[in-house]
């Protein structure tokens, strides 16, 4: 199957351009016909080239997809008719093509989960496994509902995490800009005046001149080195598994950010574990799939060890406790869930608790950042004023005497 760039016309006479997977020209025409599009012309194209240019499918698109599927399955609307309605109503060209491909594959005899699995970049293994479990248990409506809620929660969590990172970055950029302005423009003018006074300069003034000269003569290095270091560390983490593990371990230990990140990971793990377990997926499969969604090699390694211990015959609570990565709250709730048989309820309680705590911690960190940045900027200004005004005050004092 190859990738074709096509130009087609819809029922209202509008020209539609896009790209689509198809076996040949006839297959492309047939697929477009099912989308109520008439092919005008097309050409073969490499899929990799277009993957860089096409509009990405975002989490909001998946939320709309799950909500729509939940509604049509709950209302008893035939699956293919519901997918056709969604295909015609969606404005995302790439997602419309994927839905058209789902319709064709389901008409060809595939299950919904099998059709979704043909698009791993859009529907990951956890998503497909949940749909498969819903098909086998007959709870496909509940699975789509839970998926929609989980994706919304993920979206809110991503927004909170972004909020946590963006504010310090914004304030830090302002402080950095002020520092460059002072060291490159303001300090040299003041220092020139001080040197003309002809007196011996104190140590803190000489230190200020030294730092200012570094900013003046090596400003490009001060800007380029952090960027080059970030690019190098990122490339090392992507290519070296040990470096990635160490980086993930450091993320969990870094001051202020580490505890918040750890709770975010635990909340994500608990949410998806509960969702998968409630859908009928076995505990071992839940843990195996959770390794892929936690987004941290240290926690994923702990889950892998728990998976091995459970497969060797240990209980769920004891296995998670022996990893040494999960706090007492998680262990206690797992024990309650394992004893009562309501493991999914216990995990949802963990998710609720950590989600609330993450929101509170983010607010506290944001409240701390502003005074910390103010103190840093104030200390910098105080150093400059002391270094500049100190010699001037000494000169005036000598004149009076």
Protein backbone atom coordinates (compact mmCIF):
# COMPACT_ATOMS: atom_id res chain seq x y z
CA UNK A 1 0.00 0.00 0.00
CA UNK A 2 1.39 3.40 -1.02
CA UNK A 3 0.74 7.04 -0.25
CA UNK A 4 -1.07 9.20 -2.83
CA UNK A 5 -1.40 12.97 -2.87
CA UNK A 6 -4.80 13.67 -4.37
CA UNK A 7 -6.98 16.54 -5.55
CA UNK A 8 -10.71 15.88 -5.41
CA UNK A 9 -14.07 17.65 -5.53
CA UNK A 10 -16.83 17.33 -2.95
CA UNK A 11 -20.61 17.40 -3.54
CA UNK A 12 -20.67 21.21 -3.23
CA UNK A 13 -17.97 21.69 -5.87
CA UNK A 14 -15.16 22.58 -3.46
CA UNK A 15 -11.64 21.40 -4.21
CA UNK A 16 -10.22 19.14 -1.52
CA UNK A 17 -6.51 18.31 -1.32
CA UNK A 18 -4.96 15.68 0.87
CA UNK A 19 -3.03 12.42 0.98
CA UNK A 20 -4.26 8.88 1.52
CA UNK A 21 -2.99 5.32 1.67
CA UNK A 22 -4.20 3.19 -1.23
CA UNK A 23 -3.15 0.04 -3.07
CA UNK A 24 -3.54 1.60 -6.53
CA UNK A 25 -5.46 4.28 -8.43
CA UNK A 26 -8.71 2.30 -8.47
CA UNK A 27 -8.48 1.71 -4.73
CA UNK A 28 -7.88 5.45 -4.19
CA UNK A 29 -10.93 6.33 -6.31
CA UNK A 30 -13.06 3.86 -4.35
CA UNK A 31 -11.93 5.24 -1.00
CA UNK A 32 -12.60 8.82 -2.07
CA UNK A 33 -15.99 7.80 -3.44
CA UNK A 34 -16.95 6.50 -0.02
CA UNK A 35 -16.07 9.92 1.33
CA UNK A 36 -18.33 11.47 -1.34
CA UNK A 37 -15.34 12.91 -3.18
CA UNK A 38 -14.64 12.73 -6.92
CA UNK A 39 -10.97 12.27 -7.83
CA UNK A 40 -9.54 14.93 -10.15
CA UNK A 41 -5.87 13.97 -10.18
CA UNK A 42 -3.28 12.32 -7.95
CA UNK A 43 0.36 11.40 -7.75
CA UNK A 44 2.36 8.92 -5.73
CA UNK A 45 4.24 10.34 -2.79
CA UNK A 46 6.47 9.03 -0.04
CA UNK A 47 4.57 8.69 3.20
CA UNK A 48 7.50 9.92 5.28
CA UNK A 49 7.61 13.23 3.40
CA UNK A 50 3.95 13.93 3.99
CA UNK A 51 4.08 12.84 7.62
CA UNK A 52 6.16 15.94 8.31
CA UNK A 53 3.72 18.26 6.56
CA UNK A 54 0.30 16.97 7.55
CA UNK A 55 -1.60 18.45 10.44
CA UNK A 56 -1.16 16.30 13.56
CA UNK A 57 -4.07 14.57 15.23
CA UNK A 58 -4.40 16.04 18.71
CA UNK A 59 -5.87 14.67 21.91
CA UNK A 60 -9.01 16.80 21.40
CA UNK A 61 -9.71 14.93 18.15
CA UNK A 62 -9.52 11.61 20.02
CA UNK A 63 -11.84 12.97 22.74
CA UNK A 64 -14.41 13.90 20.09
CA UNK A 65 -14.01 10.48 18.47
CA UNK A 66 -14.57 8.61 21.75
CA UNK A 67 -17.54 10.80 22.70
CA UNK A 68 -19.14 10.25 19.30
CA UNK A 69 -18.58 6.49 19.46
CA UNK A 70 -20.01 6.37 22.98
CA UNK A 71 -23.15 8.20 21.88
CA UNK A 72 -23.85 6.12 18.78
CA UNK A 73 -23.21 2.82 20.56
CA UNK A 74 -25.46 3.84 23.48
CA UNK A 75 -28.21 4.96 21.08
CA UNK A 76 -28.06 1.71 19.10
CA UNK A 77 -26.98 3.38 15.85
CA UNK A 78 -25.21 0.93 13.50
CA UNK A 79 -21.47 1.33 13.81
CA UNK A 80 -20.78 1.96 10.14
CA UNK A 81 -23.50 4.60 9.92
CA UNK A 82 -22.14 6.37 12.98
CA UNK A 83 -18.61 6.33 11.59
CA UNK A 84 -19.88 7.66 8.26
CA UNK A 85 -21.58 10.56 10.07
CA UNK A 86 -18.39 11.29 11.97
CA UNK A 87 -16.35 11.13 8.76
CA UNK A 88 -18.63 13.65 7.07
CA UNK A 89 -18.73 16.04 10.03
CA UNK A 90 -15.06 16.14 11.04
CA UNK A 91 -13.04 19.08 9.77
CA UNK A 92 -9.63 17.45 10.24
CA UNK A 93 -8.57 16.18 6.77
CA UNK A 94 -6.15 13.52 8.04
CA UNK A 95 -8.57 12.24 10.68
CA UNK A 96 -11.33 12.10 8.05
CA UNK A 97 -9.09 9.85 5.95
CA UNK A 98 -8.39 7.60 8.95
CA UNK A 99 -12.11 7.26 9.71
CA UNK A 100 -12.75 6.40 6.05
CA UNK A 101 -10.07 3.71 6.32
CA UNK A 102 -11.72 2.39 9.51
CA UNK A 103 -15.04 2.11 7.67
CA UNK A 104 -13.44 0.23 4.81
CA UNK A 105 -11.60 -2.20 7.10
CA UNK A 106 -14.69 -2.89 9.20
CA UNK A 107 -16.70 -3.50 6.03
CA UNK A 108 -13.93 -5.90 5.03
CA UNK A 109 -14.57 -7.99 8.13
CA UNK A 110 -12.21 -6.58 10.77
CA UNK A 111 -13.22 -5.84 14.34
CA UNK A 112 -13.12 -2.21 15.50
CA UNK A 113 -10.00 -2.88 17.58
CA UNK A 114 -8.28 -4.52 14.61
CA UNK A 115 -9.13 -1.57 12.38
CA UNK A 116 -7.83 0.88 15.00
CA UNK A 117 -4.61 -1.13 15.36
CA UNK A 118 -3.78 -0.34 11.72
CA UNK A 119 -3.11 3.26 12.82
CA UNK A 120 -0.67 2.91 15.75
CA UNK A 121 0.47 6.53 15.58
CA UNK A 122 -3.06 7.69 16.38
CA UNK A 123 -4.44 4.84 18.50
CA UNK A 124 -1.76 3.43 20.81
CA UNK A 125 -1.62 -0.09 22.22
CA UNK A 126 -3.45 0.85 25.41
CA UNK A 127 -6.30 2.41 23.42
CA UNK A 128 -6.59 -0.64 21.15
CA UNK A 129 -6.39 -3.07 24.08
CA UNK A 130 -9.20 -1.28 25.88
CA UNK A 131 -11.43 -1.39 22.80
CA UNK A 132 -10.64 -5.08 22.33
CA UNK A 133 -11.57 -5.76 25.97
CA UNK A 134 -14.82 -3.84 25.48
CA UNK A 135 -15.66 -5.91 22.41
CA UNK A 136 -15.04 -9.17 24.26
CA UNK A 137 -16.99 -8.14 27.37
CA UNK A 138 -19.84 -6.39 25.53
CA UNK A 139 -19.10 -3.11 27.36
CA UNK A 140 -17.88 -1.11 24.38
CA UNK A 141 -20.06 1.89 25.35
CA UNK A 142 -18.58 2.03 28.83
CA UNK A 143 -15.07 1.71 27.41
CA UNK A 144 -15.56 4.65 25.05
CA UNK A 145 -17.06 6.70 27.89
CA UNK A 146 -14.14 5.91 30.20
CA UNK A 147 -11.65 6.61 27.42
CA UNK A 148 -13.26 9.99 26.76
CA UNK A 149 -13.06 10.91 30.46
CA UNK A 150 -9.46 9.68 30.71
CA UNK A 151 -8.39 11.66 27.67
CA UNK A 152 -10.03 14.79 29.10
CA UNK A 153 -8.18 14.19 32.35
CA UNK A 154 -4.93 13.76 30.40
CA UNK A 155 -5.61 17.04 28.60
CA UNK A 156 -6.16 18.87 31.90
CA UNK A 157 -3.05 17.27 33.38
CA UNK A 158 -0.96 18.28 30.36
CA UNK A 159 -2.27 21.83 30.69
CA UNK A 160 -1.31 21.90 34.39
CA UNK A 161 2.17 20.57 33.63
CA UNK A 162 2.62 23.12 30.86
CA UNK A 163 1.45 25.84 33.22
CA UNK A 164 4.01 24.72 35.80
CA UNK A 165 6.87 24.89 33.28
CA UNK A 166 5.87 27.98 31.30
CA UNK A 167 5.66 30.44 34.19
CA UNK A 168 9.21 29.85 35.51
CA UNK A 169 10.52 29.88 31.94
CA UNK A 170 8.80 33.22 31.27
CA UNK A 171 10.00 34.86 34.49
CA UNK A 172 13.49 33.38 34.06
CA UNK A 173 13.70 34.80 30.54
CA UNK A 174 12.82 38.26 31.84
CA UNK A 175 15.46 38.04 34.59
CA UNK A 176 18.02 36.83 32.05
CA UNK A 177 17.16 39.69 29.70
CA UNK A 178 17.49 42.25 32.51
CA UNK A 179 20.83 40.72 33.51
CA UNK A 180 22.19 40.98 29.95
CA UNK A 181 20.99 44.58 29.69
CA UNK A 182 22.68 45.57 32.93
CA UNK A 183 25.94 43.76 32.28
CA UNK A 184 26.35 44.82 28.64
CA UNK A 185 24.90 48.35 28.64
CA UNK A 186 24.36 49.79 32.12
CA UNK A 187 27.38 48.53 34.08
CA UNK A 188 30.06 49.65 31.53
CA UNK A 189 28.74 53.22 31.62
CA UNK A 190 28.75 53.34 35.42
CA UNK A 191 32.15 51.64 35.65
CA UNK A 192 33.67 54.16 33.26
CA UNK A 193 32.59 56.94 35.59
CA UNK A 194 34.06 55.12 38.61
CA UNK A 195 37.42 54.49 36.94
CA UNK A 196 37.77 58.20 36.14
CA UNK A 197 37.67 58.92 39.87
CA UNK A 198 41.14 57.37 40.12
CA UNK A 199 40.71 55.50 43.39
CA UNK A 200 41.36 51.86 44.20
CA UNK A 201 38.30 49.74 43.52
CA UNK A 202 36.98 47.28 46.12
CA UNK A 203 36.79 43.55 45.41
CA UNK A 204 33.03 43.41 44.68
CA UNK A 205 33.40 46.24 42.14
CA UNK A 206 36.30 44.47 40.41
CA UNK A 207 34.21 41.28 40.37
CA UNK A 208 31.33 43.18 38.74
CA UNK A 209 33.66 44.57 36.07
CA UNK A 210 35.05 41.09 35.43
CA UNK A 211 31.56 39.58 35.02
CA UNK A 212 30.47 42.50 32.84
CA UNK A 213 33.48 41.98 30.55
CA UNK A 214 32.56 38.32 30.17
CA UNK A 215 29.03 39.31 29.09
CA UNK A 216 30.39 41.96 26.68
CA UNK A 217 33.03 39.81 24.97
CA UNK A 218 31.43 36.36 25.20
CA UNK A 219 27.68 37.09 25.05
CA UNK A 220 27.29 34.70 22.09
CA UNK A 221 28.89 31.87 24.09
CA UNK A 222 26.64 32.57 27.09
CA UNK A 223 23.62 32.26 24.81
CA UNK A 224 24.88 29.35 22.68
CA UNK A 225 26.35 27.07 25.36
CA UNK A 226 23.05 26.38 27.22
CA UNK A 227 21.32 25.72 23.89
CA UNK A 228 24.09 23.40 22.67
CA UNK A 229 24.15 21.64 26.04
CA UNK A 230 20.38 21.12 25.91
CA UNK A 231 20.60 19.72 22.35
CA UNK A 232 23.48 17.42 23.30
CA UNK A 233 21.78 16.12 26.46
CA UNK A 234 18.52 15.57 24.57
CA UNK A 235 20.29 13.61 21.84
CA UNK A 236 22.19 11.55 24.44
CA UNK A 237 18.97 10.72 26.29
CA UNK A 238 17.26 9.61 23.08
CA UNK A 239 20.13 7.40 21.93
CA UNK A 240 21.48 6.04 25.22
CA UNK A 241 19.08 3.97 27.40
CA UNK A 242 21.30 4.35 30.47
CA UNK A 243 21.40 8.13 30.08
CA UNK A 244 17.63 8.20 29.69
CA UNK A 245 17.22 6.14 32.86
CA UNK A 246 19.54 8.48 34.80
CA UNK A 247 17.68 11.54 33.46
CA UNK A 248 14.32 10.09 34.50
CA UNK A 249 15.77 9.26 37.91
CA UNK A 250 17.02 12.84 38.30
CA UNK A 251 13.60 14.24 37.29
CA UNK A 252 12.02 12.45 40.25
CA UNK A 253 14.61 13.90 42.68
CA UNK A 254 14.95 17.50 41.51
CA UNK A 255 13.86 20.08 44.05
CA UNK A 256 10.18 21.15 43.89
CA UNK A 257 9.54 19.74 40.42
CA UNK A 258 10.45 16.11 41.26
CA UNK A 259 7.67 15.41 43.80
CA UNK A 260 5.06 16.98 41.53
CA UNK A 261 6.25 14.94 38.54
CA UNK A 262 6.21 11.75 40.63
CA UNK A 263 2.60 12.37 41.68
CA UNK A 264 1.60 13.14 38.08
CA UNK A 265 3.10 9.80 36.96
CA UNK A 266 1.35 7.92 39.78
CA UNK A 267 -1.97 9.60 38.95
CA UNK A 268 -1.58 8.66 35.27
CA UNK A 269 -0.69 5.08 36.17
CA UNK A 270 -3.62 4.70 38.58
CA UNK A 271 -6.12 6.19 36.10
CA UNK A 272 -5.20 3.94 33.21
CA UNK A 273 -4.69 0.85 35.36
CA UNK A 274 -8.20 1.31 36.80
CA UNK A 275 -9.63 1.89 33.33
CA UNK A 276 -7.99 -1.22 31.88
CA UNK A 277 -8.84 -3.44 34.86
CA UNK A 278 -12.49 -2.31 34.84
CA UNK A 279 -12.65 -3.12 31.11
CA UNK A 280 -11.72 -6.76 31.76
CA UNK A 281 -7.98 -6.72 31.01
CA UNK A 282 -5.96 -9.02 33.28
CA UNK A 283 -3.72 -7.55 35.98
CA UNK A 284 -0.53 -8.71 34.26
CA UNK A 285 -1.60 -7.15 30.96
CA UNK A 286 -2.61 -3.96 32.80
CA UNK A 287 0.87 -3.68 34.31
CA UNK A 288 2.57 -4.47 30.99
CA UNK A 289 0.59 -1.79 29.18
CA UNK A 290 1.14 0.67 32.05
CA UNK A 291 4.90 0.41 31.49
CA UNK A 292 4.38 2.17 28.14
CA UNK A 293 2.24 5.06 29.38
CA UNK A 294 3.95 6.23 32.58
CA UNK A 295 6.61 8.08 30.56
CA UNK A 296 9.43 7.43 33.03
CA UNK A 297 11.99 4.64 32.79
CA UNK A 298 12.44 4.35 36.57
CA UNK A 299 8.73 3.87 37.24
CA UNK A 300 8.42 1.60 34.18
CA UNK A 301 11.26 -0.52 35.57
CA UNK A 302 9.43 -0.78 38.89
CA UNK A 303 6.27 -1.90 37.11
CA UNK A 304 8.29 -4.47 35.18
CA UNK A 305 9.67 -5.89 38.43
CA UNK A 306 6.15 -5.98 39.90
CA UNK A 307 4.98 -7.83 36.77
CA UNK A 308 7.71 -10.43 37.25
CA UNK A 309 6.93 -10.90 40.96
CA UNK A 310 3.20 -11.32 40.31
CA UNK A 311 3.87 -13.83 37.52
CA UNK A 312 6.04 -15.75 40.00
CA UNK A 313 3.09 -16.06 42.40
CA UNK A 314 3.37 -13.08 44.76
CA UNK A 315 0.37 -10.92 45.60
CA UNK A 316 -0.27 -7.58 43.91
CA UNK A 317 0.33 -5.52 47.07
CA UNK A 318 3.53 -7.35 48.05
CA UNK A 319 4.90 -7.10 44.50
CA UNK A 320 4.40 -3.34 44.30
CA UNK A 321 5.79 -2.87 47.82
CA UNK A 322 8.97 -4.80 46.99
CA UNK A 323 9.80 -2.42 44.13
CA UNK A 324 10.41 0.42 46.60
CA UNK A 325 9.04 3.03 44.18
CA UNK A 326 5.44 3.36 45.28
CA UNK A 327 4.52 5.44 48.37
CA UNK A 328 2.54 4.03 51.32
CA UNK A 329 -0.74 5.51 50.02
CA UNK A 330 -0.55 3.50 46.80
CA UNK A 331 0.40 0.31 48.67
CA UNK A 332 -2.41 0.79 51.20
CA UNK A 333 -5.05 1.39 48.51
CA UNK A 334 -3.80 -1.59 46.49
CA UNK A 335 -4.13 -3.74 49.60
CA UNK A 336 -7.70 -2.55 50.17
CA UNK A 337 -8.59 -3.12 46.52
CA UNK A 338 -7.00 -6.57 46.48
CA UNK A 339 -8.84 -7.56 49.69
CA UNK A 340 -12.26 -6.27 48.61
CA UNK A 341 -11.96 -7.22 44.95
CA UNK A 342 -12.57 -3.61 43.89
CA UNK A 343 -9.08 -2.83 42.64
CA UNK A 344 -10.33 -0.37 40.03
CA UNK A 345 -12.20 1.68 42.68
CA UNK A 346 -9.11 1.80 44.91
CA UNK A 347 -6.95 2.95 41.99
CA UNK A 348 -9.45 5.66 41.06
CA UNK A 349 -9.22 6.92 44.63
CA UNK A 350 -5.44 7.11 44.24
CA UNK A 351 -5.84 9.04 41.01
CA UNK A 352 -8.32 11.48 42.57
CA UNK A 353 -6.07 12.10 45.58
CA UNK A 354 -2.91 12.70 43.55
CA UNK A 355 -4.69 14.80 40.94
CA UNK A 356 -5.98 17.12 43.67
CA UNK A 357 -2.56 17.21 45.34
CA UNK A 358 -0.83 18.01 42.03
CA UNK A 359 -3.12 21.01 41.51
CA UNK A 360 -2.36 22.29 45.02
CA UNK A 361 1.39 21.77 44.62
CA UNK A 362 1.45 23.58 41.27
CA UNK A 363 -0.33 26.55 42.83
CA UNK A 364 2.16 26.58 45.72
CA UNK A 365 5.18 26.38 43.41
CA UNK A 366 3.82 29.19 41.25
CA UNK A 367 3.28 31.28 44.38
CA UNK A 368 6.92 30.64 45.40
CA UNK A 369 8.46 31.36 42.01
CA UNK A 370 7.57 35.04 41.92
CA UNK A 371 9.21 36.00 45.26
CA UNK A 372 12.25 33.81 44.46
CA UNK A 373 12.73 35.56 41.12
CA UNK A 374 12.18 38.92 42.84
CA UNK A 375 14.90 38.10 45.40
CA UNK A 376 17.29 37.04 42.62
CA UNK A 377 16.69 40.23 40.65
CA UNK A 378 16.89 42.32 43.82
CA UNK A 379 20.21 40.69 44.80
CA UNK A 380 21.59 41.41 41.33
CA UNK A 381 20.50 45.05 41.49
CA UNK A 382 21.87 45.34 45.03
CA UNK A 383 25.25 43.98 43.93
CA UNK A 384 25.43 46.45 41.05
CA UNK A 385 24.35 49.42 43.18
CA UNK A 386 26.79 48.49 45.97
CA UNK A 387 29.64 48.04 43.50
CA UNK A 388 28.91 51.36 41.79
CA UNK A 389 27.74 53.60 44.60
CA UNK A 390 30.24 52.26 47.17
CA UNK A 391 33.31 53.86 45.54
CA UNK A 392 31.37 57.08 44.89
CA UNK A 393 30.37 57.29 48.55
CA UNK A 394 33.97 56.67 49.62
CA UNK A 395 35.21 59.48 47.35
CA UNK A 396 32.62 61.91 48.68
CA UNK A 397 33.56 60.96 52.26
CA UNK A 398 37.25 61.68 51.56
CA UNK A 399 36.41 65.07 50.03
CA UNK A 400 34.44 66.08 53.14
CA UNK A 401 37.30 65.13 55.42
